[in-house]
Amino acid sequence: MGKQVIQVGRSAVLTKGRRAGIKVKIAKILDKSFVEIELPGGKTRKCNVAHLEFY
């Protein structure tokens, strides 16, 4: 698999955990492994990039 381009505002789907299948947007890049995502209700959470699938 090629390198993923991580940008603020990009859409993704969570693939792991109890929120799997939820569409989110990247709100902030914390480091190379973690980003802050915005959930549909407007809340933000820290998330591992390996748990996201970009489209």
PDB file of N, CA and C in Angstrom:
ATOM      1  N   MET A   1       0.841  -1.185   0.000  1.00  0.00           N
ATOM      2  CA  MET A   1       0.000   0.000   0.000  1.00  0.00           C
ATOM      3  C   MET A   1       0.875   1.234   0.000  1.00  0.00           C
ATOM      4  N   GLY A   2       0.498   2.250  -0.766  1.00  0.00           N
ATOM      5  CA  GLY A   2       1.275   3.476  -0.865  1.00  0.00           C
ATOM      6  C   GLY A   2       1.138   4.346   0.362  1.00  0.00           C
ATOM      7  N   LYS A   3       1.940   5.374   0.411  1.00  0.00           N
ATOM      8  CA  LYS A   3       1.907   6.294   1.538  1.00  0.00           C
ATOM      9  C   LYS A   3       0.628   7.119   1.506  1.00  0.00           C
ATOM     10  N   GLN A   4      -0.016   7.272   2.659  1.00  0.00           N
ATOM     11  CA  GLN A   4      -1.250   8.036   2.753  1.00  0.00           C
ATOM     12  C   GLN A   4      -0.930   9.508   2.934  1.00  0.00           C
ATOM     13  N   VAL A   5      -1.680  10.354   2.248  1.00  0.00           N
ATOM     14  CA  VAL A   5      -1.510  11.792   2.398  1.00  0.00           C
ATOM     15  C   VAL A   5      -2.477  12.252   3.487  1.00  0.00           C
ATOM     16  N   ILE A   6      -1.929  12.802   4.551  1.00  0.00           N
ATOM     17  CA  ILE A   6      -2.741  13.248   5.678  1.00  0.00           C
ATOM     18  C   ILE A   6      -2.799  14.770   5.636  1.00  0.00           C
ATOM     19  N   GLN A   7      -4.017  15.304   5.465  1.00  0.00           N
ATOM     20  CA  GLN A   7      -4.210  16.751   5.403  1.00  0.00           C
ATOM     21  C   GLN A   7      -5.399  17.137   6.262  1.00  0.00           C
ATOM     22  N   VAL A   8      -5.348  18.335   6.832  1.00  0.00           N
ATOM     23  CA  VAL A   8      -6.474  18.853   7.596  1.00  0.00           C
ATOM     24  C   VAL A   8      -7.658  19.035   6.650  1.00  0.00           C
ATOM     25  N   GLY A   9      -8.828  18.586   7.090  1.00  0.00           N
ATOM     26  CA  GLY A   9     -10.032  18.703   6.286  1.00  0.00           C
ATOM     27  C   GLY A   9     -10.335  17.479   5.448  1.00  0.00           C
ATOM     28  N   ARG A  10      -9.418  16.544   5.380  1.00  0.00           N
ATOM     29  CA  ARG A  10      -9.639  15.338   4.578  1.00  0.00           C
ATOM     30  C   ARG A  10     -10.626  14.399   5.270  1.00  0.00           C
ATOM     31  N   SER A  11     -11.481  13.765   4.508  1.00  0.00           N
ATOM     32  CA  SER A  11     -12.487  12.848   5.045  1.00  0.00           C
ATOM     33  C   SER A  11     -11.910  11.446   5.186  1.00  0.00           C
ATOM     34  N   ALA A  12     -12.411  10.720   6.180  1.00  0.00           N
ATOM     35  CA  ALA A  12     -11.963   9.349   6.429  1.00  0.00           C
ATOM     36  C   ALA A  12     -13.077   8.584   7.132  1.00  0.00           C
ATOM     37  N   VAL A  13     -12.885   7.274   7.232  1.00  0.00           N
ATOM     38  CA  VAL A  13     -13.810   6.411   7.960  1.00  0.00           C
ATOM     39  C   VAL A  13     -13.012   5.680   9.024  1.00  0.00           C
ATOM     40  N   LEU A  14     -13.540   5.642  10.247  1.00  0.00           N
ATOM     41  CA  LEU A  14     -12.901   4.880  11.318  1.00  0.00           C
ATOM     42  C   LEU A  14     -13.082   3.395  11.046  1.00  0.00           C
ATOM     43  N   THR A  15     -12.021   2.612  11.219  1.00  0.00           N
ATOM     44  CA  THR A  15     -12.083   1.183  10.916  1.00  0.00           C
ATOM     45  C   THR A  15     -11.944   0.299  12.150  1.00  0.00           C
ATOM     46  N   LYS A  16     -11.596   0.856  13.287  1.00  0.00           N
ATOM     47  CA  LYS A  16     -11.374   0.066  14.505  1.00  0.00           C
ATOM     48  C   LYS A  16     -12.181   0.650  15.662  1.00  0.00           C
ATOM     49  N   GLY A  17     -12.486  -0.200  16.626  1.00  0.00           N
ATOM     50  CA  GLY A  17     -13.126   0.253  17.854  1.00  0.00           C
ATOM     51  C   GLY A  17     -14.631   0.366  17.746  1.00  0.00           C
ATOM     52  N   ARG A  18     -15.225   0.900  18.806  1.00  0.00           N
ATOM     53  CA  ARG A  18     -16.684   0.973  18.861  1.00  0.00           C
ATOM     54  C   ARG A  18     -17.268   2.017  17.921  1.00  0.00           C
ATOM     55  N   ARG A  19     -16.452   2.913  17.415  1.00  0.00           N
ATOM     56  CA  ARG A  19     -16.924   3.921  16.461  1.00  0.00           C
ATOM     57  C   ARG A  19     -16.616   3.532  15.011  1.00  0.00           C
ATOM     58  N   ALA A  20     -16.282   2.286  14.777  1.00  0.00           N
ATOM     59  CA  ALA A  20     -15.945   1.819  13.422  1.00  0.00           C
ATOM     60  C   ALA A  20     -17.110   2.067  12.478  1.00  0.00           C
ATOM     61  N   GLY A  21     -16.778   2.576  11.288  1.00  0.00           N
ATOM     62  CA  GLY A  21     -17.785   2.839  10.272  1.00  0.00           C
ATOM     63  C   GLY A  21     -18.267   4.279  10.242  1.00  0.00           C
ATOM     64  N   ILE A  22     -17.850   5.097  11.204  1.00  0.00           N
ATOM     65  CA  ILE A  22     -18.288   6.494  11.263  1.00  0.00           C
ATOM     66  C   ILE A  22     -17.395   7.350  10.373  1.00  0.00           C
ATOM     67  N   LYS A  23     -18.017   8.234   9.583  1.00  0.00           N
ATOM     68  CA  LYS A  23     -17.271   9.165   8.738  1.00  0.00           C
ATOM     69  C   LYS A  23     -16.815  10.338   9.590  1.00  0.00           C
ATOM     70  N   VAL A  24     -15.539  10.707   9.453  1.00  0.00           N
ATOM     71  CA  VAL A  24     -14.942  11.795  10.236  1.00  0.00           C
ATOM     72  C   VAL A  24     -14.116  12.693   9.321  1.00  0.00           C
ATOM     73  N   LYS A  25     -13.704  13.835   9.859  1.00  0.00           N
ATOM     74  CA  LYS A  25     -12.790  14.731   9.156  1.00  0.00           C
ATOM     75  C   LYS A  25     -11.592  14.997  10.049  1.00  0.00           C
ATOM     76  N   ILE A  26     -10.429  15.166   9.438  1.00  0.00           N
ATOM     77  CA  ILE A  26      -9.219  15.465  10.196  1.00  0.00           C
ATOM     78  C   ILE A  26      -9.244  16.939  10.579  1.00  0.00           C
ATOM     79  N   ALA A  27      -9.151  17.202  11.886  1.00  0.00           N
ATOM     80  CA  ALA A  27      -9.199  18.564  12.394  1.00  0.00           C
ATOM     81  C   ALA A  27      -7.800  19.132  12.641  1.00  0.00           C
ATOM     82  N   LYS A  28      -6.849  18.260  13.036  1.00  0.00           N
ATOM     83  CA  LYS A  28      -5.508  18.734  13.392  1.00  0.00           C
ATOM     84  C   LYS A  28      -4.543  17.569  13.313  1.00  0.00           C
ATOM     85  N   ILE A  29      -3.336  17.819  12.855  1.00  0.00           N
ATOM     86  CA  ILE A  29      -2.292  16.791  12.813  1.00  0.00           C
ATOM     87  C   ILE A  29      -1.419  16.958  14.054  1.00  0.00           C
ATOM     88  N   LEU A  30      -1.350  15.908  14.879  1.00  0.00           N
ATOM     89  CA  LEU A  30      -0.575  15.970  16.125  1.00  0.00           C
ATOM     90  C   LEU A  30       0.862  15.524  15.916  1.00  0.00           C
ATOM     91  N   ASP A  31       1.066  14.401  15.249  1.00  0.00           N
ATOM     92  CA  ASP A  31       2.399  13.939  14.837  1.00  0.00           C
ATOM     93  C   ASP A  31       2.213  12.935  13.711  1.00  0.00           C
ATOM     94  N   LYS A  32       3.246  12.143  13.384  1.00  0.00           N
ATOM     95  CA  LYS A  32       3.131  11.259  12.220  1.00  0.00           C
ATOM     96  C   LYS A  32       2.188  10.088  12.445  1.00  0.00           C
ATOM     97  N   SER A  33       1.860   9.765  13.699  1.00  0.00           N
ATOM     98  CA  SER A  33       0.994   8.625  13.992  1.00  0.00           C
ATOM     99  C   SER A  33      -0.402   9.011  14.473  1.00  0.00           C
ATOM    100  N   PHE A  34      -0.567  10.227  14.979  1.00  0.00           N
ATOM    101  CA  PHE A  34      -1.835  10.625  15.566  1.00  0.00           C
ATOM    102  C   PHE A  34      -2.384  11.905  14.954  1.00  0.00           C
ATOM    103  N   VAL A  35      -3.711  11.943  14.836  1.00  0.00           N
ATOM    104  CA  VAL A  35      -4.418  13.132  14.379  1.00  0.00           C
ATOM    105  C   VAL A  35      -5.591  13.386  15.307  1.00  0.00           C
ATOM    106  N   GLU A  36      -6.107  14.595  15.275  1.00  0.00           N
ATOM    107  CA  GLU A  36      -7.339  14.904  15.990  1.00  0.00           C
ATOM    108  C   GLU A  36      -8.444  14.892  14.952  1.00  0.00           C
ATOM    109  N   ILE A  37      -9.500  14.113  15.214  1.00  0.00           N
ATOM    110  CA  ILE A  37     -10.588  13.984  14.249  1.00  0.00           C
ATOM    111  C   ILE A  37     -11.835  14.673  14.782  1.00  0.00           C
ATOM    112  N   GLU A  38     -12.691  15.111  13.862  1.00  0.00           N
ATOM    113  CA  GLU A  38     -13.969  15.711  14.221  1.00  0.00           C
ATOM    114  C   GLU A  38     -15.068  14.716  13.891  1.00  0.00           C
ATOM    115  N   LEU A  39     -15.831  14.333  14.916  1.00  0.00           N
ATOM    116  CA  LEU A  39     -16.936  13.404  14.760  1.00  0.00           C
ATOM    117  C   LEU A  39     -18.161  14.138  14.212  1.00  0.00           C
ATOM    118  N   PRO A  40     -19.172  13.423  13.723  1.00  0.00           N
ATOM    119  CA  PRO A  40     -20.357  14.067  13.156  1.00  0.00           C
ATOM    120  C   PRO A  40     -21.054  15.063  14.086  1.00  0.00           C
ATOM    121  N   GLY A  41     -21.048  14.840  15.385  1.00  0.00           N
ATOM    122  CA  GLY A  41     -21.690  15.763  16.323  1.00  0.00           C
ATOM    123  C   GLY A  41     -20.877  17.013  16.613  1.00  0.00           C
ATOM    124  N   GLY A  42     -19.655  17.100  16.085  1.00  0.00           N
ATOM    125  CA  GLY A  42     -18.803  18.258  16.308  1.00  0.00           C
ATOM    126  C   GLY A  42     -17.732  18.041  17.358  1.00  0.00           C
ATOM    127  N   LYS A  43     -17.786  16.914  18.083  1.00  0.00           N
ATOM    128  CA  LYS A  43     -16.768  16.629  19.090  1.00  0.00           C
ATOM    129  C   LYS A  43     -15.464  16.229  18.406  1.00  0.00           C
ATOM    130  N   THR A  44     -14.349  16.482  19.085  1.00  0.00           N
ATOM    131  CA  THR A  44     -13.045  16.098  18.553  1.00  0.00           C
ATOM    132  C   THR A  44     -12.418  15.053  19.462  1.00  0.00           C
ATOM    133  N   ARG A  45     -11.644  14.150  18.860  1.00  0.00           N
ATOM    134  CA  ARG A  45     -10.959  13.084  19.580  1.00  0.00           C
ATOM    135  C   ARG A  45      -9.609  12.814  18.940  1.00  0.00           C
ATOM    136  N   LYS A  46      -8.676  12.318  19.743  1.00  0.00           N
ATOM    137  CA  LYS A  46      -7.376  11.894  19.248  1.00  0.00           C
ATOM    138  C   LYS A  46      -7.531  10.505  18.641  1.00  0.00           C
ATOM    139  N   CYS A  47      -6.884  10.270  17.494  1.00  0.00           N
ATOM    140  CA  CYS A  47      -7.044   8.996  16.803  1.00  0.00           C
ATOM    141  C   CYS A  47      -5.737   8.608  16.120  1.00  0.00           C
ATOM    142  N   ASN A  48      -5.443   7.303  16.138  1.00  0.00           N
ATOM    143  CA  ASN A  48      -4.275   6.774  15.449  1.00  0.00           C
ATOM    144  C   ASN A  48      -4.571   6.737  13.942  1.00  0.00           C
ATOM    145  N   VAL A  49      -3.630   7.144  13.123  1.00  0.00           N
ATOM    146  CA  VAL A  49      -3.810   7.160  11.663  1.00  0.00           C
ATOM    147  C   VAL A  49      -4.034   5.752  11.116  1.00  0.00           C
ATOM    148  N   ALA A  50      -3.484   4.738  11.774  1.00  0.00           N
ATOM    149  CA  ALA A  50      -3.652   3.355  11.317  1.00  0.00           C
ATOM    150  C   ALA A  50      -5.102   2.896  11.454  1.00  0.00           C
ATOM    151  N   HIS A  51      -5.901   3.593  12.241  1.00  0.00           N
ATOM    152  CA  HIS A  51      -7.306   3.236  12.437  1.00  0.00           C
ATOM    153  C   HIS A  51      -8.240   3.975  11.494  1.00  0.00           C
ATOM    154  N   LEU A  52      -7.687   4.704  10.532  1.00  0.00           N
ATOM    155  CA  LEU A  52      -8.494   5.466   9.572  1.00  0.00           C
ATOM    156  C   LEU A  52      -8.308   4.922   8.170  1.00  0.00           C
ATOM    157  N   GLU A  53      -9.381   4.963   7.388  1.00  0.00           N
ATOM    158  CA  GLU A  53      -9.313   4.618   5.975  1.00  0.00           C
ATOM    159  C   GLU A  53      -9.757   5.860   5.208  1.00  0.00           C
ATOM    160  N   PHE A  54      -8.881   6.379   4.377  1.00  0.00           N
ATOM    161  CA  PHE A  54      -9.164   7.608   3.638  1.00  0.00           C
ATOM    162  C   PHE A  54      -9.859   7.310   2.325  1.00  0.00           C
ATOM    163  N   TYR A  55     -10.716   8.235   1.909  1.00  0.00           N
ATOM    164  CA  TYR A  55     -11.398   8.104   0.616  1.00  0.00           C
ATOM    165  C   TYR A  55     -11.466   9.422  -0.068  1.00  0.00           C
TER     166      TYR A  55
END
